[in-house]
PDB file of N, CA and C in Angstrom:
ATOM      1  N   MET A   1       0.841  -1.185   0.000  1.00  0.00           N
ATOM      2  CA  MET A   1       0.000   0.000   0.000  1.00  0.00           C
ATOM      3  C   MET A   1       0.883   1.243   0.000  1.00  0.00           C
ATOM      4  N   SER A   2       0.491   2.253  -0.718  1.00  0.00           N
ATOM      5  CA  SER A   2       1.274   3.475  -0.785  1.00  0.00           C
ATOM      6  C   SER A   2       0.979   4.345   0.433  1.00  0.00           C
ATOM      7  N   ASP A   3       1.902   5.274   0.713  1.00  0.00           N
ATOM      8  CA  ASP A   3       1.656   6.140   1.857  1.00  0.00           C
ATOM      9  C   ASP A   3       0.597   7.177   1.507  1.00  0.00           C
ATOM     10  N   PRO A   4      -0.204   7.623   2.483  1.00  0.00           N
ATOM     11  CA  PRO A   4      -1.331   8.506   2.207  1.00  0.00           C
ATOM     12  C   PRO A   4      -0.934   9.850   1.628  1.00  0.00           C
ATOM     13  N   GLY A   5       0.255  10.340   1.914  1.00  0.00           N
ATOM     14  CA  GLY A   5       0.681  11.632   1.415  1.00  0.00           C
ATOM     15  C   GLY A   5       0.953  11.662  -0.071  1.00  0.00           C
ATOM     16  N   SER A   6       1.127  10.511  -0.689  1.00  0.00           N
ATOM     17  CA  SER A   6       1.451  10.496  -2.110  1.00  0.00           C
ATOM     18  C   SER A   6       0.225  10.287  -2.991  1.00  0.00           C
ATOM     19  N   SER A   7      -0.971  10.290  -2.406  1.00  0.00           N
ATOM     20  CA  SER A   7      -2.170  10.018  -3.198  1.00  0.00           C
ATOM     21  C   SER A   7      -2.381  11.040  -4.310  1.00  0.00           C
ATOM     22  N   PHE A   8      -2.084  12.310  -4.047  1.00  0.00           N
ATOM     23  CA  PHE A   8      -2.229  13.321  -5.094  1.00  0.00           C
ATOM     24  C   PHE A   8      -1.191  13.112  -6.179  1.00  0.00           C
ATOM     25  N   LEU A   9       0.033  12.777  -5.776  1.00  0.00           N
ATOM     26  CA  LEU A   9       1.078  12.526  -6.767  1.00  0.00           C
ATOM     27  C   LEU A   9       0.675  11.385  -7.686  1.00  0.00           C
ATOM     28  N   GLU A  10       0.194  10.301  -7.092  1.00  0.00           N
ATOM     29  CA  GLU A  10      -0.167   9.119  -7.875  1.00  0.00           C
ATOM     30  C   GLU A  10      -1.334   9.380  -8.821  1.00  0.00           C
ATOM     31  N   SER A  11      -2.198  10.308  -8.471  1.00  0.00           N
ATOM     32  CA  SER A  11      -3.331  10.593  -9.342  1.00  0.00           C
ATOM     33  C   SER A  11      -2.982  11.567 -10.462  1.00  0.00           C
ATOM     34  N   VAL A  12      -1.826  12.236 -10.347  1.00  0.00           N
ATOM     35  CA  VAL A  12      -1.464  13.263 -11.326  1.00  0.00           C
ATOM     36  C   VAL A  12      -0.249  12.883 -12.178  1.00  0.00           C
ATOM     37  N   LEU A  13       0.755  12.272 -11.547  1.00  0.00           N
ATOM     38  CA  LEU A  13       2.030  12.034 -12.225  1.00  0.00           C
ATOM     39  C   LEU A  13       2.262  10.564 -12.549  1.00  0.00           C
ATOM     40  N   LEU A  14       3.210  10.318 -13.436  1.00  0.00           N
ATOM     41  CA  LEU A  14       3.589   8.961 -13.805  1.00  0.00           C
ATOM     42  C   LEU A  14       4.536   8.376 -12.757  1.00  0.00           C
ATOM     43  N   ALA A  15       4.545   7.051 -12.668  1.00  0.00           N
ATOM     44  CA  ALA A  15       5.342   6.348 -11.649  1.00  0.00           C
ATOM     45  C   ALA A  15       6.826   6.725 -11.661  1.00  0.00           C
ATOM     46  N   PRO A  16       7.492   6.831 -12.819  1.00  0.00           N
ATOM     47  CA  PRO A  16       8.920   7.196 -12.795  1.00  0.00           C
ATOM     48  C   PRO A  16       9.163   8.576 -12.165  1.00  0.00           C
ATOM     49  N   SER A  17       8.267   9.512 -12.414  1.00  0.00           N
ATOM     50  CA  SER A  17       8.414  10.845 -11.820  1.00  0.00           C
ATOM     51  C   SER A  17       8.225  10.788 -10.314  1.00  0.00           C
ATOM     52  N   ILE A  18       7.245  10.020  -9.873  1.00  0.00           N
ATOM     53  CA  ILE A  18       6.988   9.888  -8.435  1.00  0.00           C
ATOM     54  C   ILE A  18       8.198   9.284  -7.739  1.00  0.00           C
ATOM     55  N   LYS A  19       8.792   8.292  -8.366  1.00  0.00           N
ATOM     56  CA  LYS A  19       9.974   7.643  -7.789  1.00  0.00           C
ATOM     57  C   LYS A  19      11.109   8.654  -7.624  1.00  0.00           C
ATOM     58  N   GLU A  20      11.322   9.497  -8.620  1.00  0.00           N
ATOM     59  CA  GLU A  20      12.373  10.514  -8.551  1.00  0.00           C
ATOM     60  C   GLU A  20      12.047  11.585  -7.507  1.00  0.00           C
ATOM     61  N   ILE A  21      10.788  11.972  -7.420  1.00  0.00           N
ATOM     62  CA  ILE A  21      10.376  12.982  -6.442  1.00  0.00           C
ATOM     63  C   ILE A  21      10.621  12.481  -5.028  1.00  0.00           C
ATOM     64  N   LYS A  22      10.345  11.214  -4.783  1.00  0.00           N
ATOM     65  CA  LYS A  22      10.515  10.655  -3.439  1.00  0.00           C
ATOM     66  C   LYS A  22      11.978  10.596  -3.012  1.00  0.00           C
ATOM     67  N   LYS A  23      12.906  10.785  -3.947  1.00  0.00           N
ATOM     68  CA  LYS A  23      14.327  10.836  -3.625  1.00  0.00           C
ATOM     69  C   LYS A  23      14.742  12.232  -3.153  1.00  0.00           C
ATOM     70  N   LEU A  24      13.876  13.216  -3.348  1.00  0.00           N
ATOM     71  CA  LEU A  24      14.178  14.599  -2.968  1.00  0.00           C
ATOM     72  C   LEU A  24      13.955  14.797  -1.473  1.00  0.00           C
ATOM     73  N   SER A  25      14.221  15.987  -1.013  1.00  0.00           N
ATOM     74  CA  SER A  25      14.032  16.317   0.402  1.00  0.00           C
ATOM     75  C   SER A  25      12.561  16.197   0.785  1.00  0.00           C
ATOM     76  N   PRO A  26      12.279  15.963   2.062  1.00  0.00           N
ATOM     77  CA  PRO A  26      10.877  15.900   2.498  1.00  0.00           C
ATOM     78  C   PRO A  26      10.110  17.179   2.158  1.00  0.00           C
ATOM     79  N   TYR A  27      10.783  18.311   2.216  1.00  0.00           N
ATOM     80  CA  TYR A  27      10.138  19.582   1.876  1.00  0.00           C
ATOM     81  C   TYR A  27       9.732  19.605   0.399  1.00  0.00           C
ATOM     82  N   ALA A  28      10.606  19.117  -0.475  1.00  0.00           N
ATOM     83  CA  ALA A  28      10.301  19.076  -1.908  1.00  0.00           C
ATOM     84  C   ALA A  28       9.168  18.096  -2.202  1.00  0.00           C
ATOM     85  N   VAL A  29       9.126  16.981  -1.474  1.00  0.00           N
ATOM     86  CA  VAL A  29       8.038  16.013  -1.652  1.00  0.00           C
ATOM     87  C   VAL A  29       6.715  16.633  -1.233  1.00  0.00           C
ATOM     88  N   ALA A  30       6.722  17.352  -0.111  1.00  0.00           N
ATOM     89  CA  ALA A  30       5.495  18.032   0.340  1.00  0.00           C
ATOM     90  C   ALA A  30       5.067  19.085  -0.676  1.00  0.00           C
ATOM     91  N   LEU A  31       6.022  19.787  -1.250  1.00  0.00           N
ATOM     92  CA  LEU A  31       5.735  20.785  -2.276  1.00  0.00           C
ATOM     93  C   LEU A  31       5.121  20.126  -3.509  1.00  0.00           C
ATOM     94  N   ALA A  32       5.666  18.986  -3.913  1.00  0.00           N
ATOM     95  CA  ALA A  32       5.122  18.256  -5.062  1.00  0.00           C
ATOM     96  C   ALA A  32       3.677  17.839  -4.801  1.00  0.00           C
ATOM     97  N   ASN A  33       3.403  17.375  -3.597  1.00  0.00           N
ATOM     98  CA  ASN A  33       2.028  17.012  -3.246  1.00  0.00           C
ATOM     99  C   ASN A  33       1.111  18.225  -3.308  1.00  0.00           C
ATOM    100  N   ARG A  34       1.591  19.351  -2.816  1.00  0.00           N
ATOM    101  CA  ARG A  34       0.791  20.582  -2.848  1.00  0.00           C
ATOM    102  C   ARG A  34       0.500  20.998  -4.288  1.00  0.00           C
ATOM    103  N   TRP A  35       1.518  20.947  -5.138  1.00  0.00           N
ATOM    104  CA  TRP A  35       1.317  21.293  -6.543  1.00  0.00           C
ATOM    105  C   TRP A  35       0.333  20.340  -7.209  1.00  0.00           C
ATOM    106  N   ALA A  36       0.495  19.048  -6.948  1.00  0.00           N
ATOM    107  CA  ALA A  36      -0.391  18.056  -7.568  1.00  0.00           C
ATOM    108  C   ALA A  36      -1.834  18.270  -7.138  1.00  0.00           C
ATOM    109  N   LYS A  37      -2.025  18.688  -5.910  1.00  0.00           N
ATOM    110  CA  LYS A  37      -3.370  18.924  -5.399  1.00  0.00           C
ATOM    111  C   LYS A  37      -3.964  20.226  -5.939  1.00  0.00           C
ATOM    112  N   GLU A  38      -3.173  21.300  -5.919  1.00  0.00           N
ATOM    113  CA  GLU A  38      -3.685  22.623  -6.235  1.00  0.00           C
ATOM    114  C   GLU A  38      -3.601  23.000  -7.715  1.00  0.00           C
ATOM    115  N   ALA A  39      -2.685  22.422  -8.456  1.00  0.00           N
ATOM    116  CA  ALA A  39      -2.523  22.766  -9.875  1.00  0.00           C
ATOM    117  C   ALA A  39      -2.108  21.526 -10.667  1.00  0.00           C
ATOM    118  N   PRO A  40      -2.980  20.529 -10.756  1.00  0.00           N
ATOM    119  CA  PRO A  40      -2.590  19.281 -11.431  1.00  0.00           C
ATOM    120  C   PRO A  40      -2.227  19.465 -12.900  1.00  0.00           C
ATOM    121  N   GLY A  41      -2.921  20.341 -13.600  1.00  0.00           N
ATOM    122  CA  GLY A  41      -2.622  20.559 -15.019  1.00  0.00           C
ATOM    123  C   GLY A  41      -1.233  21.122 -15.236  1.00  0.00           C
ATOM    124  N   ARG A  42      -0.897  22.139 -14.467  1.00  0.00           N
ATOM    125  CA  ARG A  42       0.430  22.748 -14.596  1.00  0.00           C
ATOM    126  C   ARG A  42       1.523  21.775 -14.163  1.00  0.00           C
ATOM    127  N   THR A  43       1.211  20.952 -13.156  1.00  0.00           N
ATOM    128  CA  THR A  43       2.184  19.960 -12.696  1.00  0.00           C
ATOM    129  C   THR A  43       2.442  18.931 -13.791  1.00  0.00           C
ATOM    130  N   ARG A  44       1.389  18.488 -14.470  1.00  0.00           N
ATOM    131  CA  ARG A  44       1.553  17.546 -15.594  1.00  0.00           C
ATOM    132  C   ARG A  44       2.355  18.176 -16.731  1.00  0.00           C
ATOM    133  N   GLU A  45       2.107  19.461 -16.987  1.00  0.00           N
ATOM    134  CA  GLU A  45       2.848  20.150 -18.049  1.00  0.00           C
ATOM    135  C   GLU A  45       4.341  20.195 -17.724  1.00  0.00           C
ATOM    136  N   LEU A  46       4.669  20.488 -16.473  1.00  0.00           N
ATOM    137  CA  LEU A  46       6.076  20.503 -16.075  1.00  0.00           C
ATOM    138  C   LEU A  46       6.695  19.120 -16.218  1.00  0.00           C
ATOM    139  N   GLU A  47       5.944  18.102 -15.849  1.00  0.00           N
ATOM    140  CA  GLU A  47       6.434  16.722 -15.982  1.00  0.00           C
ATOM    141  C   GLU A  47       6.684  16.400 -17.453  1.00  0.00           C
ATOM    142  N   ALA A  48       5.724  16.744 -18.312  1.00  0.00           N
ATOM    143  CA  ALA A  48       5.842  16.442 -19.740  1.00  0.00           C
ATOM    144  C   ALA A  48       7.025  17.178 -20.379  1.00  0.00           C
ATOM    145  N   SER A  49       7.311  18.377 -19.891  1.00  0.00           N
ATOM    146  CA  SER A  49       8.410  19.151 -20.468  1.00  0.00           C
ATOM    147  C   SER A  49       9.765  18.780 -19.859  1.00  0.00           C
ATOM    148  N   GLY A  50       9.738  17.907 -18.836  1.00  0.00           N
ATOM    149  CA  GLY A  50      10.992  17.493 -18.197  1.00  0.00           C
ATOM    150  C   GLY A  50      11.538  18.504 -17.209  1.00  0.00           C
ATOM    151  N   LYS A  51      10.711  19.459 -16.799  1.00  0.00           N
ATOM    152  CA  LYS A  51      11.169  20.527 -15.915  1.00  0.00           C
ATOM    153  C   LYS A  51      10.672  20.385 -14.478  1.00  0.00           C
ATOM    154  N   LEU A  52       9.900  19.355 -14.185  1.00  0.00           N
ATOM    155  CA  LEU A  52       9.274  19.236 -12.871  1.00  0.00           C
ATOM    156  C   LEU A  52      10.287  19.116 -11.741  1.00  0.00           C
ATOM    157  N   LEU A  53      11.238  18.198 -11.850  1.00  0.00           N
ATOM    158  CA  LEU A  53      12.195  17.989 -10.762  1.00  0.00           C
ATOM    159  C   LEU A  53      13.036  19.237 -10.503  1.00  0.00           C
ATOM    160  N   ALA A  54      13.488  19.877 -11.553  1.00  0.00           N
ATOM    161  CA  ALA A  54      14.291  21.095 -11.385  1.00  0.00           C
ATOM    162  C   ALA A  54      13.466  22.201 -10.735  1.00  0.00           C
ATOM    163  N   ALA A  55      12.214  22.332 -11.151  1.00  0.00           N
ATOM    164  CA  ALA A  55      11.342  23.360 -10.575  1.00  0.00           C
ATOM    165  C   ALA A  55      11.069  23.074  -9.100  1.00  0.00           C
ATOM    166  N   LEU A  56      10.848  21.813  -8.768  1.00  0.00           N
ATOM    167  CA  LEU A  56      10.623  21.441  -7.366  1.00  0.00           C
ATOM    168  C   LEU A  56      11.847  21.750  -6.506  1.00  0.00           C
ATOM    169  N   LYS A  57      13.012  21.356  -6.993  1.00  0.00           N
ATOM    170  CA  LYS A  57      14.242  21.595  -6.238  1.00  0.00           C
ATOM    171  C   LYS A  57      14.446  23.094  -6.011  1.00  0.00           C
ATOM    172  N   GLU A  58      14.283  23.872  -7.066  1.00  0.00           N
ATOM    173  CA  GLU A  58      14.502  25.316  -6.962  1.00  0.00           C
ATOM    174  C   GLU A  58      13.497  25.962  -6.015  1.00  0.00           C
ATOM    175  N   ARG A  59      12.210  25.640  -6.186  1.00  0.00           N
ATOM    176  CA  ARG A  59      11.184  26.253  -5.337  1.00  0.00           C
ATOM    177  C   ARG A  59      11.344  25.829  -3.880  1.00  0.00           C
ATOM    178  N   ALA A  60      11.634  24.553  -3.640  1.00  0.00           N
ATOM    179  CA  ALA A  60      11.817  24.082  -2.268  1.00  0.00           C
ATOM    180  C   ALA A  60      12.996  24.796  -1.612  1.00  0.00           C
ATOM    181  N   GLU A  61      14.068  24.963  -2.359  1.00  0.00           N
ATOM    182  CA  GLU A  61      15.234  25.665  -1.820  1.00  0.00           C
ATOM    183  C   GLU A  61      14.898  27.122  -1.516  1.00  0.00           C
ATOM    184  N   ASN A  62      14.197  27.785  -2.437  1.00  0.00           N
ATOM    185  CA  ASN A  62      13.832  29.189  -2.236  1.00  0.00           C
ATOM    186  C   ASN A  62      12.895  29.358  -1.039  1.00  0.00           C
ATOM    187  N   GLU A  63      11.891  28.499  -0.907  1.00  0.00           N
ATOM    188  CA  GLU A  63      10.958  28.596   0.206  1.00  0.00           C
ATOM    189  C   GLU A  63      11.655  28.312   1.532  1.00  0.00           C
ATOM    190  N   ALA A  64      12.557  27.334   1.545  1.00  0.00           N
ATOM    191  CA  ALA A  64      13.293  27.030   2.769  1.00  0.00           C
ATOM    192  C   ALA A  64      14.167  28.216   3.164  1.00  0.00           C
ATOM    193  N   LEU A  65      14.787  28.855   2.189  1.00  0.00           N
ATOM    194  CA  LEU A  65      15.622  30.020   2.462  1.00  0.00           C
ATOM    195  C   LEU A  65      14.773  31.169   3.008  1.00  0.00           C
ATOM    196  N   LEU A  66      13.601  31.399   2.433  1.00  0.00           N
ATOM    197  CA  LEU A  66      12.714  32.450   2.925  1.00  0.00           C
ATOM    198  C   LEU A  66      12.285  32.167   4.362  1.00  0.00           C
ATOM    199  N   GLN A  67      11.964  30.919   4.652  1.00  0.00           N
ATOM    200  CA  GLN A  67      11.575  30.560   6.020  1.00  0.00           C
ATOM    201  C   GLN A  67      12.740  30.767   6.984  1.00  0.00           C
ATOM    202  N   TRP A  68      13.917  30.374   6.574  1.00  0.00           N
ATOM    203  CA  TRP A  68      15.098  30.544   7.413  1.00  0.00           C
ATOM    204  C   TRP A  68      15.339  32.027   7.697  1.00  0.00           C
ATOM    205  N   ARG A  69      15.261  32.858   6.655  1.00  0.00           N
ATOM    206  CA  ARG A  69      15.467  34.299   6.835  1.00  0.00           C
ATOM    207  C   ARG A  69      14.403  34.891   7.765  1.00  0.00           C
ATOM    208  N   SER A  70      13.175  34.427   7.616  1.00  0.00           N
ATOM    209  CA  SER A  70      12.094  34.903   8.470  1.00  0.00           C
ATOM    210  C   SER A  70      12.358  34.546   9.932  1.00  0.00           C
ATOM    211  N   ARG A  71      12.845  33.343  10.165  1.00  0.00           N
ATOM    212  CA  ARG A  71      13.174  32.925  11.536  1.00  0.00           C
ATOM    213  C   ARG A  71      14.307  33.770  12.120  1.00  0.00           C
ATOM    214  N   ILE A  72      15.307  34.055  11.309  1.00  0.00           N
ATOM    215  CA  ILE A  72      16.431  34.873  11.760  1.00  0.00           C
ATOM    216  C   ILE A  72      15.933  36.265  12.124  1.00  0.00           C
ATOM    217  N   ARG A  73      15.070  36.836  11.292  1.00  0.00           N
ATOM    218  CA  ARG A  73      14.525  38.155  11.588  1.00  0.00           C
ATOM    219  C   ARG A  73      13.730  38.137  12.882  1.00  0.00           C
ATOM    220  N   ALA A  74      12.977  37.076  13.097  1.00  0.00           N
ATOM    221  CA  ALA A  74      12.182  36.972  14.323  1.00  0.00           C
ATOM    222  C   ALA A  74      13.087  36.900  15.549  1.00  0.00           C
ATOM    223  N   VAL A  75      14.180  36.160  15.457  1.00  0.00           N
ATOM    224  CA  VAL A  75      15.113  36.039  16.568  1.00  0.00           C
ATOM    225  C   VAL A  75      15.778  37.385  16.845  1.00  0.00           C
ATOM    226  N   ARG A  76      16.120  38.078  15.782  1.00  0.00           N
ATOM    227  CA  ARG A  76      16.777  39.382  15.937  1.00  0.00           C
ATOM    228  C   ARG A  76      15.798  40.470  16.350  1.00  0.00           C
ATOM    229  N   GLY A  77      14.520  40.224  16.147  1.00  0.00           N
ATOM    230  CA  GLY A  77      13.517  41.237  16.460  1.00  0.00           C
ATOM    231  C   GLY A  77      13.303  42.222  15.333  1.00  0.00           C
ATOM    232  N   ASP A  78      13.832  41.920  14.160  1.00  0.00           N
ATOM    233  CA  ASP A  78      13.646  42.796  12.999  1.00  0.00           C
ATOM    234  C   ASP A  78      12.199  42.717  12.530  1.00  0.00           C
ATOM    235  N   ALA A  79      11.645  43.844  12.171  1.00  0.00           N
ATOM    236  CA  ALA A  79      10.305  43.853  11.580  1.00  0.00           C
ATOM    237  C   ALA A  79      10.461  43.582  10.094  1.00  0.00           C
ATOM    238  N   ALA A  80       9.823  42.535   9.642  1.00  0.00           N
ATOM    239  CA  ALA A  80       9.918  42.176   8.224  1.00  0.00           C
ATOM    240  C   ALA A  80       8.633  41.487   7.819  1.00  0.00           C
ATOM    241  N   PRO A  81       8.228  41.655   6.575  1.00  0.00           N
ATOM    242  CA  PRO A  81       7.027  40.960   6.111  1.00  0.00           C
ATOM    243  C   PRO A  81       7.257  39.460   6.069  1.00  0.00           C
ATOM    244  N   GLY A  82       6.184  38.698   6.130  1.00  0.00           N
ATOM    245  CA  GLY A  82       6.275  37.242   6.061  1.00  0.00           C
ATOM    246  C   GLY A  82       6.756  36.784   4.704  1.00  0.00           C
ATOM    247  N   PRO A  83       7.124  35.524   4.599  1.00  0.00           N
ATOM    248  CA  PRO A  83       7.611  35.004   3.321  1.00  0.00           C
ATOM    249  C   PRO A  83       6.538  35.073   2.248  1.00  0.00           C
ATOM    250  N   ASP A  84       6.947  35.419   1.069  1.00  0.00           N
ATOM    251  CA  ASP A  84       6.045  35.527  -0.068  1.00  0.00           C
ATOM    252  C   ASP A  84       6.030  34.188  -0.782  1.00  0.00           C
ATOM    253  N   LYS A  85       5.001  33.367  -0.529  1.00  0.00           N
ATOM    254  CA  LYS A  85       4.938  32.025  -1.089  1.00  0.00           C
ATOM    255  C   LYS A  85       3.962  31.973  -2.253  1.00  0.00           C
ATOM    256  N   ASP A  86       4.377  31.353  -3.306  1.00  0.00           N
ATOM    257  CA  ASP A  86       3.521  31.099  -4.448  1.00  0.00           C
ATOM    258  C   ASP A  86       3.242  29.612  -4.439  1.00  0.00           C
ATOM    259  N   ALA A  87       2.004  29.233  -4.127  1.00  0.00           N
ATOM    260  CA  ALA A  87       1.674  27.805  -3.976  1.00  0.00           C
ATOM    261  C   ALA A  87       1.693  27.056  -5.297  1.00  0.00           C
ATOM    262  N   ALA A  88       1.374  27.716  -6.372  1.00  0.00           N
ATOM    263  CA  ALA A  88       1.268  27.030  -7.656  1.00  0.00           C
ATOM    264  C   ALA A  88       2.649  26.835  -8.273  1.00  0.00           C
ATOM    265  N   PRO A  89       2.801  25.786  -9.057  1.00  0.00           N
ATOM    266  CA  PRO A  89       4.076  25.572  -9.746  1.00  0.00           C
ATOM    267  C   PRO A  89       4.290  26.626 -10.818  1.00  0.00           C
ATOM    268  N   PRO A  90       5.540  26.866 -11.198  1.00  0.00           N
ATOM    269  CA  PRO A  90       5.807  27.834 -12.250  1.00  0.00           C
ATOM    270  C   PRO A  90       5.289  27.341 -13.595  1.00  0.00           C
ATOM    271  N   ALA A  91       5.050  28.266 -14.493  1.00  0.00           N
ATOM    272  CA  ALA A  91       4.614  27.892 -15.838  1.00  0.00           C
ATOM    273  C   ALA A  91       5.740  27.166 -16.540  1.00  0.00           C
ATOM    274  N   PRO A  92       5.430  26.146 -17.327  1.00  0.00           N
ATOM    275  CA  PRO A  92       6.477  25.398 -18.037  1.00  0.00           C
ATOM    276  C   PRO A  92       7.167  26.244 -19.085  1.00  0.00           C
TER     277      PRO A  92
END
């Protein structure tokens, strides 16, 4: 039986892509699930164009960096806006 978190991936992407996604960081896997749930068409387009894994890696890294910077600002007491997150995958 597959794990419950991958149900959106399995309904949107092909098995080879899912296998490669599961090799990425847990944050990137969660991002892939979010994309598959919220923008399945765009996620399929990225997969078909061969850009899905690169887009996931880049977005996961950028979001993690934004979260890290936000935490640092909070520790320092700096007033700063929250991270600007774009939930949908980039256009292919």
